[in-house]
Amino acid sequence: MTSENRKYALASLFGDRGNEPIGDVPYAIRLGLRVLAMGPGTATLSLPYRDELVGDPTRGVIFGGVITALLDHAAGIATACALEELTAIATLDLRIDYLRAAAPNYDLCGRMECY
């Protein structure tokens, strides 16, 4: 079956709208995660910069655990967006290659793709 003919469980949420995947997840609400876009096997989320998320007050850099939470949640949504039928999923292993600290005072954006 080609991807054009494939049915996706979350197809009604695809596009540049909808925070439904955040609504029932307390930590995602507390962090302020927002869904920017969802599509077949993809999800893009944003995390607004706030002082309470800073892990290094000297540099104003957001705590790495918060960034990991953003990427983990985006990965979960991307995986759910790849399913034909919804089922429980869990992150068993998440590895992030460190490139550099996030720039202070900027919102973050994370995009994940399930392939």
PDB file of N, CA and C in Angstrom:
ATOM      1  N   MET A   1       0.852  -1.177   0.000  1.00  0.00           N
ATOM      2  CA  MET A   1       0.000   0.000   0.000  1.00  0.00           C
ATOM      3  C   MET A   1       0.900   1.243   0.000  1.00  0.00           C
ATOM      4  N   THR A   2       0.679   2.143  -0.907  1.00  0.00           N
ATOM      5  CA  THR A   2       1.463   3.362  -0.977  1.00  0.00           C
ATOM      6  C   THR A   2       1.035   4.325   0.124  1.00  0.00           C
ATOM      7  N   SER A   3       1.887   5.285   0.407  1.00  0.00           N
ATOM      8  CA  SER A   3       1.570   6.236   1.478  1.00  0.00           C
ATOM      9  C   SER A   3       0.344   7.086   1.145  1.00  0.00           C
ATOM     10  N   GLU A   4       0.051   7.279  -0.165  1.00  0.00           N
ATOM     11  CA  GLU A   4      -1.132   8.052  -0.540  1.00  0.00           C
ATOM     12  C   GLU A   4      -2.414   7.313  -0.180  1.00  0.00           C
ATOM     13  N   ASN A   5      -2.383   5.984  -0.234  1.00  0.00           N
ATOM     14  CA  ASN A   5      -3.566   5.171   0.045  1.00  0.00           C
ATOM     15  C   ASN A   5      -3.656   4.735   1.499  1.00  0.00           C
ATOM     16  N   ARG A   6      -2.633   4.981   2.243  1.00  0.00           N
ATOM     17  CA  ARG A   6      -2.581   4.515   3.627  1.00  0.00           C
ATOM     18  C   ARG A   6      -3.511   5.344   4.509  1.00  0.00           C
ATOM     19  N   LYS A   7      -4.155   4.684   5.439  1.00  0.00           N
ATOM     20  CA  LYS A   7      -5.006   5.380   6.405  1.00  0.00           C
ATOM     21  C   LYS A   7      -4.212   5.567   7.690  1.00  0.00           C
ATOM     22  N   TYR A   8      -4.332   6.749   8.274  1.00  0.00           N
ATOM     23  CA  TYR A   8      -3.626   7.069   9.509  1.00  0.00           C
ATOM     24  C   TYR A   8      -4.633   7.347  10.615  1.00  0.00           C
ATOM     25  N   ALA A   9      -4.369   6.802  11.784  1.00  0.00           N
ATOM     26  CA  ALA A   9      -5.286   6.950  12.916  1.00  0.00           C
ATOM     27  C   ALA A   9      -5.491   8.412  13.302  1.00  0.00           C
ATOM     28  N   LEU A  10      -4.462   9.238  13.172  1.00  0.00           N
ATOM     29  CA  LEU A  10      -4.555  10.650  13.572  1.00  0.00           C
ATOM     30  C   LEU A  10      -4.688  11.595  12.385  1.00  0.00           C
ATOM     31  N   ALA A  11      -5.095  11.095  11.239  1.00  0.00           N
ATOM     32  CA  ALA A  11      -5.166  11.922  10.026  1.00  0.00           C
ATOM     33  C   ALA A  11      -6.017  13.171  10.219  1.00  0.00           C
ATOM     34  N   SER A  12      -7.044  13.104  11.046  1.00  0.00           N
ATOM     35  CA  SER A  12      -7.910  14.275  11.252  1.00  0.00           C
ATOM     36  C   SER A  12      -7.174  15.412  11.963  1.00  0.00           C
ATOM     37  N   LEU A  13      -6.024  15.123  12.561  1.00  0.00           N
ATOM     38  CA  LEU A  13      -5.251  16.156  13.261  1.00  0.00           C
ATOM     39  C   LEU A  13      -4.093  16.684  12.429  1.00  0.00           C
ATOM     40  N   PHE A  14      -3.855  16.120  11.254  1.00  0.00           N
ATOM     41  CA  PHE A  14      -2.720  16.535  10.429  1.00  0.00           C
ATOM     42  C   PHE A  14      -2.893  17.990   9.987  1.00  0.00           C
ATOM     43  N   GLY A  15      -1.783  18.675   9.876  1.00  0.00           N
ATOM     44  CA  GLY A  15      -1.789  20.059   9.418  1.00  0.00           C
ATOM     45  C   GLY A  15      -1.115  20.968  10.432  1.00  0.00           C
ATOM     46  N   ASP A  16      -1.329  22.243  10.275  1.00  0.00           N
ATOM     47  CA  ASP A  16      -0.686  23.252  11.108  1.00  0.00           C
ATOM     48  C   ASP A  16      -1.585  23.710  12.244  1.00  0.00           C
ATOM     49  N   ARG A  17      -2.272  22.807  12.880  1.00  0.00           N
ATOM     50  CA  ARG A  17      -3.170  23.199  13.950  1.00  0.00           C
ATOM     51  C   ARG A  17      -3.295  22.079  14.965  1.00  0.00           C
ATOM     52  N   GLY A  18      -3.923  22.386  16.060  1.00  0.00           N
ATOM     53  CA  GLY A  18      -4.321  21.362  17.006  1.00  0.00           C
ATOM     54  C   GLY A  18      -3.312  21.087  18.083  1.00  0.00           C
ATOM     55  N   ASN A  19      -3.738  21.225  19.317  1.00  0.00           N
ATOM     56  CA  ASN A  19      -2.905  20.890  20.451  1.00  0.00           C
ATOM     57  C   ASN A  19      -3.465  19.677  21.170  1.00  0.00           C
ATOM     58  N   GLU A  20      -4.307  18.905  20.484  1.00  0.00           N
ATOM     59  CA  GLU A  20      -4.934  17.749  21.106  1.00  0.00           C
ATOM     60  C   GLU A  20      -3.924  16.773  21.708  1.00  0.00           C
ATOM     61  N   PRO A  21      -2.772  16.502  21.058  1.00  0.00           N
ATOM     62  CA  PRO A  21      -1.827  15.551  21.643  1.00  0.00           C
ATOM     63  C   PRO A  21      -1.142  16.063  22.915  1.00  0.00           C
ATOM     64  N   ILE A  22      -1.347  17.312  23.263  1.00  0.00           N
ATOM     65  CA  ILE A  22      -0.745  17.883  24.468  1.00  0.00           C
ATOM     66  C   ILE A  22      -1.747  17.873  25.614  1.00  0.00           C
ATOM     67  N   GLY A  23      -3.026  18.003  25.289  1.00  0.00           N
ATOM     68  CA  GLY A  23      -4.078  18.263  26.256  1.00  0.00           C
ATOM     69  C   GLY A  23      -4.184  17.354  27.458  1.00  0.00           C
ATOM     70  N   ASP A  24      -3.781  16.092  27.341  1.00  0.00           N
ATOM     71  CA  ASP A  24      -3.914  15.146  28.440  1.00  0.00           C
ATOM     72  C   ASP A  24      -2.580  14.774  29.078  1.00  0.00           C
ATOM     73  N   VAL A  25      -1.548  15.526  28.808  1.00  0.00           N
ATOM     74  CA  VAL A  25      -0.217  15.193  29.311  1.00  0.00           C
ATOM     75  C   VAL A  25       0.259  16.327  30.228  1.00  0.00           C
ATOM     76  N   PRO A  26       0.141  16.118  31.539  1.00  0.00           N
ATOM     77  CA  PRO A  26       0.441  17.209  32.485  1.00  0.00           C
ATOM     78  C   PRO A  26       1.819  17.845  32.321  1.00  0.00           C
ATOM     79  N   TYR A  27       2.870  17.055  32.123  1.00  0.00           N
ATOM     80  CA  TYR A  27       4.189  17.668  32.000  1.00  0.00           C
ATOM     81  C   TYR A  27       4.293  18.513  30.738  1.00  0.00           C
ATOM     82  N   ALA A  28       3.636  18.092  29.644  1.00  0.00           N
ATOM     83  CA  ALA A  28       3.666  18.857  28.398  1.00  0.00           C
ATOM     84  C   ALA A  28       2.930  20.184  28.567  1.00  0.00           C
ATOM     85  N   ILE A  29       1.832  20.149  29.303  1.00  0.00           N
ATOM     86  CA  ILE A  29       1.083  21.384  29.587  1.00  0.00           C
ATOM     87  C   ILE A  29       1.934  22.314  30.432  1.00  0.00           C
ATOM     88  N   ARG A  30       2.556  21.763  31.478  1.00  0.00           N
ATOM     89  CA  ARG A  30       3.375  22.587  32.394  1.00  0.00           C
ATOM     90  C   ARG A  30       4.567  23.216  31.675  1.00  0.00           C
ATOM     91  N   LEU A  31       5.177  22.466  30.765  1.00  0.00           N
ATOM     92  CA  LEU A  31       6.302  23.010  30.006  1.00  0.00           C
ATOM     93  C   LEU A  31       5.856  24.038  28.973  1.00  0.00           C
ATOM     94  N   GLY A  32       4.587  23.986  28.581  1.00  0.00           N
ATOM     95  CA  GLY A  32       4.082  24.913  27.571  1.00  0.00           C
ATOM     96  C   GLY A  32       4.294  24.424  26.152  1.00  0.00           C
ATOM     97  N   LEU A  33       4.454  23.108  25.972  1.00  0.00           N
ATOM     98  CA  LEU A  33       4.646  22.570  24.622  1.00  0.00           C
ATOM     99  C   LEU A  33       3.450  22.897  23.748  1.00  0.00           C
ATOM    100  N   ARG A  34       3.707  23.180  22.488  1.00  0.00           N
ATOM    101  CA  ARG A  34       2.668  23.475  21.512  1.00  0.00           C
ATOM    102  C   ARG A  34       2.944  22.686  20.242  1.00  0.00           C
ATOM    103  N   VAL A  35       1.896  22.151  19.653  1.00  0.00           N
ATOM    104  CA  VAL A  35       2.031  21.445  18.380  1.00  0.00           C
ATOM    105  C   VAL A  35       1.979  22.476  17.261  1.00  0.00           C
ATOM    106  N   LEU A  36       3.013  22.521  16.453  1.00  0.00           N
ATOM    107  CA  LEU A  36       3.041  23.420  15.294  1.00  0.00           C
ATOM    108  C   LEU A  36       2.489  22.738  14.056  1.00  0.00           C
ATOM    109  N   ALA A  37       2.840  21.465  13.873  1.00  0.00           N
ATOM    110  CA  ALA A  37       2.374  20.721  12.698  1.00  0.00           C
ATOM    111  C   ALA A  37       2.480  19.229  12.957  1.00  0.00           C
ATOM    112  N   MET A  38       1.567  18.494  12.324  1.00  0.00           N
ATOM    113  CA  MET A  38       1.584  17.036  12.364  1.00  0.00           C
ATOM    114  C   MET A  38       1.285  16.533  10.967  1.00  0.00           C
ATOM    115  N   GLY A  39       1.868  15.397  10.622  1.00  0.00           N
ATOM    116  CA  GLY A  39       1.603  14.782   9.331  1.00  0.00           C
ATOM    117  C   GLY A  39       1.929  13.308   9.401  1.00  0.00           C
ATOM    118  N   PRO A  40       1.845  12.602   8.298  1.00  0.00           N
ATOM    119  CA  PRO A  40       2.142  11.171   8.313  1.00  0.00           C
ATOM    120  C   PRO A  40       3.555  10.898   8.837  1.00  0.00           C
ATOM    121  N   GLY A  41       3.653  10.408  10.050  1.00  0.00           N
ATOM    122  CA  GLY A  41       4.937  10.070  10.648  1.00  0.00           C
ATOM    123  C   GLY A  41       5.787  11.247  11.079  1.00  0.00           C
ATOM    124  N   THR A  42       5.212  12.444  11.160  1.00  0.00           N
ATOM    125  CA  THR A  42       5.995  13.613  11.565  1.00  0.00           C
ATOM    126  C   THR A  42       5.245  14.454  12.600  1.00  0.00           C
ATOM    127  N   ALA A  43       6.010  15.161  13.387  1.00  0.00           N
ATOM    128  CA  ALA A  43       5.444  16.111  14.343  1.00  0.00           C
ATOM    129  C   ALA A  43       6.471  17.210  14.597  1.00  0.00           C
ATOM    130  N   THR A  44       5.989  18.442  14.660  1.00  0.00           N
ATOM    131  CA  THR A  44       6.829  19.590  14.994  1.00  0.00           C
ATOM    132  C   THR A  44       6.194  20.291  16.176  1.00  0.00           C
ATOM    133  N   LEU A  45       6.964  20.445  17.250  1.00  0.00           N
ATOM    134  CA  LEU A  45       6.482  21.078  18.471  1.00  0.00           C
ATOM    135  C   LEU A  45       7.345  22.273  18.810  1.00  0.00           C
ATOM    136  N   SER A  46       6.773  23.205  19.565  1.00  0.00           N
ATOM    137  CA  SER A  46       7.545  24.342  20.045  1.00  0.00           C
ATOM    138  C   SER A  46       7.531  24.357  21.561  1.00  0.00           C
ATOM    139  N   LEU A  47       8.548  24.976  22.108  1.00  0.00           N
ATOM    140  CA  LEU A  47       8.686  25.169  23.545  1.00  0.00           C
ATOM    141  C   LEU A  47       9.051  26.629  23.772  1.00  0.00           C
ATOM    142  N   PRO A  48       8.121  27.425  24.317  1.00  0.00           N
ATOM    143  CA  PRO A  48       8.417  28.835  24.556  1.00  0.00           C
ATOM    144  C   PRO A  48       9.503  29.002  25.627  1.00  0.00           C
ATOM    145  N   TYR A  49      10.404  29.915  25.384  1.00  0.00           N
ATOM    146  CA  TYR A  49      11.458  30.215  26.359  1.00  0.00           C
ATOM    147  C   TYR A  49      10.839  30.880  27.588  1.00  0.00           C
ATOM    148  N   ARG A  50      11.196  30.368  28.749  1.00  0.00           N
ATOM    149  CA  ARG A  50      10.785  30.974  30.018  1.00  0.00           C
ATOM    150  C   ARG A  50      11.927  30.827  31.000  1.00  0.00           C
ATOM    151  N   ASP A  51      12.099  31.823  31.862  1.00  0.00           N
ATOM    152  CA  ASP A  51      13.191  31.795  32.832  1.00  0.00           C
ATOM    153  C   ASP A  51      13.150  30.559  33.723  1.00  0.00           C
ATOM    154  N   GLU A  52      11.955  30.057  34.041  1.00  0.00           N
ATOM    155  CA  GLU A  52      11.858  28.900  34.935  1.00  0.00           C
ATOM    156  C   GLU A  52      12.379  27.608  34.297  1.00  0.00           C
ATOM    157  N   LEU A  53      12.621  27.608  33.003  1.00  0.00           N
ATOM    158  CA  LEU A  53      13.147  26.434  32.318  1.00  0.00           C
ATOM    159  C   LEU A  53      14.666  26.466  32.184  1.00  0.00           C
ATOM    160  N   VAL A  54      15.279  27.535  32.639  1.00  0.00           N
ATOM    161  CA  VAL A  54      16.723  27.720  32.503  1.00  0.00           C
ATOM    162  C   VAL A  54      17.458  26.793  33.464  1.00  0.00           C
ATOM    163  N   GLY A  55      18.451  26.090  32.940  1.00  0.00           N
ATOM    164  CA  GLY A  55      19.272  25.207  33.762  1.00  0.00           C
ATOM    165  C   GLY A  55      20.621  25.808  34.096  1.00  0.00           C
ATOM    166  N   ASP A  56      21.048  26.790  33.332  1.00  0.00           N
ATOM    167  CA  ASP A  56      22.326  27.463  33.564  1.00  0.00           C
ATOM    168  C   ASP A  56      22.053  28.965  33.624  1.00  0.00           C
ATOM    169  N   PRO A  57      21.822  29.496  34.850  1.00  0.00           N
ATOM    170  CA  PRO A  57      21.460  30.912  34.981  1.00  0.00           C
ATOM    171  C   PRO A  57      22.533  31.876  34.471  1.00  0.00           C
ATOM    172  N   THR A  58      23.781  31.459  34.499  1.00  0.00           N
ATOM    173  CA  THR A  58      24.860  32.328  34.033  1.00  0.00           C
ATOM    174  C   THR A  58      24.731  32.603  32.538  1.00  0.00           C
ATOM    175  N   ARG A  59      24.395  31.569  31.781  1.00  0.00           N
ATOM    176  CA  ARG A  59      24.273  31.716  30.322  1.00  0.00           C
ATOM    177  C   ARG A  59      22.830  31.849  29.855  1.00  0.00           C
ATOM    178  N   GLY A  60      21.868  31.552  30.727  1.00  0.00           N
ATOM    179  CA  GLY A  60      20.460  31.632  30.346  1.00  0.00           C
ATOM    180  C   GLY A  60      20.009  30.498  29.449  1.00  0.00           C
ATOM    181  N   VAL A  61      20.680  29.366  29.549  1.00  0.00           N
ATOM    182  CA  VAL A  61      20.437  28.226  28.672  1.00  0.00           C
ATOM    183  C   VAL A  61      19.380  27.313  29.289  1.00  0.00           C
ATOM    184  N   ILE A  62      18.441  26.867  28.459  1.00  0.00           N
ATOM    185  CA  ILE A  62      17.390  25.960  28.918  1.00  0.00           C
ATOM    186  C   ILE A  62      18.000  24.619  29.336  1.00  0.00           C
ATOM    187  N   PHE A  63      17.478  24.066  30.425  1.00  0.00           N
ATOM    188  CA  PHE A  63      17.918  22.788  30.983  1.00  0.00           C
ATOM    189  C   PHE A  63      17.780  21.679  29.942  1.00  0.00           C
ATOM    190  N   GLY A  64      18.806  20.853  29.825  1.00  0.00           N
ATOM    191  CA  GLY A  64      18.820  19.780  28.839  1.00  0.00           C
ATOM    192  C   GLY A  64      17.679  18.794  28.994  1.00  0.00           C
ATOM    193  N   GLY A  65      17.234  18.541  30.218  1.00  0.00           N
ATOM    194  CA  GLY A  65      16.114  17.637  30.440  1.00  0.00           C
ATOM    195  C   GLY A  65      14.827  18.144  29.824  1.00  0.00           C
ATOM    196  N   VAL A  66      14.654  19.461  29.800  1.00  0.00           N
ATOM    197  CA  VAL A  66      13.473  20.065  29.184  1.00  0.00           C
ATOM    198  C   VAL A  66      13.529  19.874  27.669  1.00  0.00           C
ATOM    199  N   ILE A  67      14.707  20.027  27.103  1.00  0.00           N
ATOM    200  CA  ILE A  67      14.871  19.820  25.665  1.00  0.00           C
ATOM    201  C   ILE A  67      14.609  18.352  25.315  1.00  0.00           C
ATOM    202  N   THR A  68      15.091  17.452  26.156  1.00  0.00           N
ATOM    203  CA  THR A  68      14.831  16.029  25.949  1.00  0.00           C
ATOM    204  C   THR A  68      13.335  15.735  26.011  1.00  0.00           C
ATOM    205  N   ALA A  69      12.634  16.369  26.946  1.00  0.00           N
ATOM    206  CA  ALA A  69      11.182  16.185  27.049  1.00  0.00           C
ATOM    207  C   ALA A  69      10.478  16.663  25.780  1.00  0.00           C
ATOM    208  N   LEU A  70      10.908  17.798  25.239  1.00  0.00           N
ATOM    209  CA  LEU A  70      10.347  18.311  23.985  1.00  0.00           C
ATOM    210  C   LEU A  70      10.525  17.283  22.865  1.00  0.00           C
ATOM    211  N   LEU A  71      11.739  16.771  22.719  1.00  0.00           N
ATOM    212  CA  LEU A  71      12.024  15.829  21.635  1.00  0.00           C
ATOM    213  C   LEU A  71      11.334  14.488  21.854  1.00  0.00           C
ATOM    214  N   ASP A  72      11.258  14.027  23.099  1.00  0.00           N
ATOM    215  CA  ASP A  72      10.580  12.773  23.392  1.00  0.00           C
ATOM    216  C   ASP A  72       9.096  12.872  23.075  1.00  0.00           C
ATOM    217  N   HIS A  73       8.493  13.981  23.437  1.00  0.00           N
ATOM    218  CA  HIS A  73       7.066  14.149  23.158  1.00  0.00           C
ATOM    219  C   HIS A  73       6.818  14.269  21.650  1.00  0.00           C
ATOM    220  N   ALA A  74       7.681  14.986  20.950  1.00  0.00           N
ATOM    221  CA  ALA A  74       7.562  15.088  19.491  1.00  0.00           C
ATOM    222  C   ALA A  74       7.726  13.714  18.847  1.00  0.00           C
ATOM    223  N   ALA A  75       8.648  12.910  19.360  1.00  0.00           N
ATOM    224  CA  ALA A  75       8.858  11.566  18.813  1.00  0.00           C
ATOM    225  C   ALA A  75       7.632  10.688  19.048  1.00  0.00           C
ATOM    226  N   GLY A  76       7.027  10.805  20.218  1.00  0.00           N
ATOM    227  CA  GLY A  76       5.820  10.032  20.506  1.00  0.00           C
ATOM    228  C   GLY A  76       4.669  10.400  19.584  1.00  0.00           C
ATOM    229  N   ILE A  77       4.505  11.691  19.347  1.00  0.00           N
ATOM    230  CA  ILE A  77       3.434  12.136  18.462  1.00  0.00           C
ATOM    231  C   ILE A  77       3.728  11.698  17.024  1.00  0.00           C
ATOM    232  N   ALA A  78       4.985  11.826  16.585  1.00  0.00           N
ATOM    233  CA  ALA A  78       5.353  11.397  15.231  1.00  0.00           C
ATOM    234  C   ALA A  78       5.093   9.906  15.050  1.00  0.00           C
ATOM    235  N   THR A  79       5.401   9.122  16.062  1.00  0.00           N
ATOM    236  CA  THR A  79       5.150   7.685  15.996  1.00  0.00           C
ATOM    237  C   THR A  79       3.654   7.413  15.915  1.00  0.00           C
ATOM    238  N   ALA A  80       2.872   8.085  16.748  1.00  0.00           N
ATOM    239  CA  ALA A  80       1.411   7.921  16.707  1.00  0.00           C
ATOM    240  C   ALA A  80       0.864   8.328  15.344  1.00  0.00           C
ATOM    241  N   CYS A  81       1.476   9.333  14.724  1.00  0.00           N
ATOM    242  CA  CYS A  81       1.035   9.802  13.407  1.00  0.00           C
ATOM    243  C   CYS A  81       1.399   8.833  12.285  1.00  0.00           C
ATOM    244  N   ALA A  82       2.223   7.843  12.575  1.00  0.00           N
ATOM    245  CA  ALA A  82       2.598   6.847  11.576  1.00  0.00           C
ATOM    246  C   ALA A  82       1.718   5.598  11.658  1.00  0.00           C
ATOM    247  N   LEU A  83       0.895   5.505  12.698  1.00  0.00           N
ATOM    248  CA  LEU A  83       0.101   4.302  12.934  1.00  0.00           C
ATOM    249  C   LEU A  83      -1.219   4.322  12.181  1.00  0.00           C
ATOM    250  N   GLU A  84      -1.622   3.153  11.715  1.00  0.00           N
ATOM    251  CA  GLU A  84      -2.940   3.016  11.104  1.00  0.00           C
ATOM    252  C   GLU A  84      -4.012   2.858  12.170  1.00  0.00           C
ATOM    253  N   GLU A  85      -3.647   2.276  13.294  1.00  0.00           N
ATOM    254  CA  GLU A  85      -4.551   2.141  14.439  1.00  0.00           C
ATOM    255  C   GLU A  85      -3.798   2.580  15.681  1.00  0.00           C
ATOM    256  N   LEU A  86      -4.430   3.378  16.522  1.00  0.00           N
ATOM    257  CA  LEU A  86      -3.767   3.830  17.741  1.00  0.00           C
ATOM    258  C   LEU A  86      -3.544   2.666  18.692  1.00  0.00           C
ATOM    259  N   THR A  87      -2.394   2.660  19.294  1.00  0.00           N
ATOM    260  CA  THR A  87      -2.036   1.683  20.304  1.00  0.00           C
ATOM    261  C   THR A  87      -1.084   2.355  21.281  1.00  0.00           C
ATOM    262  N   ALA A  88      -0.927   1.775  22.442  1.00  0.00           N
ATOM    263  CA  ALA A  88      -0.002   2.338  23.427  1.00  0.00           C
ATOM    264  C   ALA A  88       1.425   2.244  22.894  1.00  0.00           C
ATOM    265  N   ILE A  89       2.183   3.319  23.088  1.00  0.00           N
ATOM    266  CA  ILE A  89       3.589   3.335  22.691  1.00  0.00           C
ATOM    267  C   ILE A  89       4.405   3.861  23.857  1.00  0.00           C
ATOM    268  N   ALA A  90       5.681   3.545  23.875  1.00  0.00           N
ATOM    269  CA  ALA A  90       6.576   4.022  24.930  1.00  0.00           C
ATOM    270  C   ALA A  90       7.964   4.228  24.341  1.00  0.00           C
ATOM    271  N   THR A  91       8.672   5.182  24.881  1.00  0.00           N
ATOM    272  CA  THR A  91      10.061   5.393  24.487  1.00  0.00           C
ATOM    273  C   THR A  91      10.914   4.385  25.245  1.00  0.00           C
ATOM    274  N   LEU A  92      11.617   3.530  24.524  1.00  0.00           N
ATOM    275  CA  LEU A  92      12.489   2.553  25.154  1.00  0.00           C
ATOM    276  C   LEU A  92      13.931   3.018  25.173  1.00  0.00           C
ATOM    277  N   ASP A  93      14.295   3.834  24.199  1.00  0.00           N
ATOM    278  CA  ASP A  93      15.664   4.313  24.114  1.00  0.00           C
ATOM    279  C   ASP A  93      15.644   5.638  23.365  1.00  0.00           C
ATOM    280  N   LEU A  94      16.213   6.658  23.950  1.00  0.00           N
ATOM    281  CA  LEU A  94      16.271   7.967  23.312  1.00  0.00           C
ATOM    282  C   LEU A  94      17.685   8.493  23.459  1.00  0.00           C
ATOM    283  N   ARG A  95      18.308   8.753  22.339  1.00  0.00           N
ATOM    284  CA  ARG A  95      19.674   9.276  22.343  1.00  0.00           C
ATOM    285  C   ARG A  95      19.697  10.579  21.561  1.00  0.00           C
ATOM    286  N   ILE A  96      20.332  11.562  22.137  1.00  0.00           N
ATOM    287  CA  ILE A  96      20.416  12.875  21.499  1.00  0.00           C
ATOM    288  C   ILE A  96      21.887  13.241  21.384  1.00  0.00           C
ATOM    289  N   ASP A  97      22.323  13.504  20.180  1.00  0.00           N
ATOM    290  CA  ASP A  97      23.693  13.966  19.976  1.00  0.00           C
ATOM    291  C   ASP A  97      23.753  15.441  20.314  1.00  0.00           C
ATOM    292  N   TYR A  98      24.651  15.809  21.199  1.00  0.00           N
ATOM    293  CA  TYR A  98      24.786  17.187  21.642  1.00  0.00           C
ATOM    294  C   TYR A  98      25.583  17.975  20.611  1.00  0.00           C
ATOM    295  N   LEU A  99      25.010  19.048  20.110  1.00  0.00           N
ATOM    296  CA  LEU A  99      25.709  19.897  19.150  1.00  0.00           C
ATOM    297  C   LEU A  99      26.192  21.178  19.820  1.00  0.00           C
ATOM    298  N   ARG A 100      25.280  21.823  20.540  1.00  0.00           N
ATOM    299  CA  ARG A 100      25.614  23.033  21.298  1.00  0.00           C
ATOM    300  C   ARG A 100      24.402  23.398  22.142  1.00  0.00           C
ATOM    301  N   ALA A 101      24.597  24.281  23.089  1.00  0.00           N
ATOM    302  CA  ALA A 101      23.493  24.718  23.941  1.00  0.00           C
ATOM    303  C   ALA A 101      22.509  25.549  23.121  1.00  0.00           C
ATOM    304  N   ALA A 102      21.249  25.492  23.512  1.00  0.00           N
ATOM    305  CA  ALA A 102      20.232  26.323  22.860  1.00  0.00           C
ATOM    306  C   ALA A 102      20.517  27.791  23.163  1.00  0.00           C
ATOM    307  N   ALA A 103      20.261  28.643  22.210  1.00  0.00           N
ATOM    308  CA  ALA A 103      20.486  30.081  22.420  1.00  0.00           C
ATOM    309  C   ALA A 103      19.502  30.606  23.455  1.00  0.00           C
ATOM    310  N   PRO A 104      19.976  31.403  24.399  1.00  0.00           N
ATOM    311  CA  PRO A 104      19.078  31.959  25.415  1.00  0.00           C
ATOM    312  C   PRO A 104      18.063  32.932  24.818  1.00  0.00           C
ATOM    313  N   ASN A 105      16.903  33.002  25.463  1.00  0.00           N
ATOM    314  CA  ASN A 105      15.829  33.944  25.112  1.00  0.00           C
ATOM    315  C   ASN A 105      15.135  33.657  23.784  1.00  0.00           C
ATOM    316  N   TYR A 106      15.282  32.454  23.266  1.00  0.00           N
ATOM    317  CA  TYR A 106      14.588  32.065  22.038  1.00  0.00           C
ATOM    318  C   TYR A 106      13.711  30.843  22.314  1.00  0.00           C
ATOM    319  N   ASP A 107      12.537  30.811  21.692  1.00  0.00           N
ATOM    320  CA  ASP A 107      11.706  29.618  21.753  1.00  0.00           C
ATOM    321  C   ASP A 107      12.418  28.499  21.004  1.00  0.00           C
ATOM    322  N   LEU A 108      12.157  27.261  21.421  1.00  0.00           N
ATOM    323  CA  LEU A 108      12.754  26.109  20.760  1.00  0.00           C
ATOM    324  C   LEU A 108      11.720  25.419  19.886  1.00  0.00           C
ATOM    325  N   CYS A 109      12.203  24.746  18.879  1.00  0.00           N
ATOM    326  CA  CYS A 109      11.330  23.995  17.975  1.00  0.00           C
ATOM    327  C   CYS A 109      11.977  22.621  17.783  1.00  0.00           C
ATOM    328  N   GLY A 110      11.163  21.572  17.889  1.00  0.00           N
ATOM    329  CA  GLY A 110      11.658  20.217  17.678  1.00  0.00           C
ATOM    330  C   GLY A 110      10.808  19.508  16.649  1.00  0.00           C
ATOM    331  N   ARG A 111      11.454  18.913  15.648  1.00  0.00           N
ATOM    332  CA  ARG A 111      10.744  18.158  14.612  1.00  0.00           C
ATOM    333  C   ARG A 111      11.251  16.738  14.618  1.00  0.00           C
ATOM    334  N   MET A 112      10.321  15.800  14.649  1.00  0.00           N
ATOM    335  CA  MET A 112      10.680  14.388  14.639  1.00  0.00           C
ATOM    336  C   MET A 112       9.986  13.701  13.484  1.00  0.00           C
ATOM    337  N   GLU A 113      10.638  12.648  12.987  1.00  0.00           N
ATOM    338  CA  GLU A 113      10.070  11.867  11.910  1.00  0.00           C
ATOM    339  C   GLU A 113      10.204  10.388  12.253  1.00  0.00           C
ATOM    340  N   CYS A 114       9.111   9.673  12.130  1.00  0.00           N
ATOM    341  CA  CYS A 114       9.104   8.231  12.346  1.00  0.00           C
ATOM    342  C   CYS A 114       9.231   7.564  10.984  1.00  0.00           C
ATOM    343  N   TYR A 115      10.294   6.785  10.809  1.00  0.00           N
ATOM    344  CA  TYR A 115      10.482   6.119   9.513  1.00  0.00           C
ATOM    345  C   TYR A 115      10.743   4.643   9.709  1.00  0.00           C
TER     346      TYR A 115
END
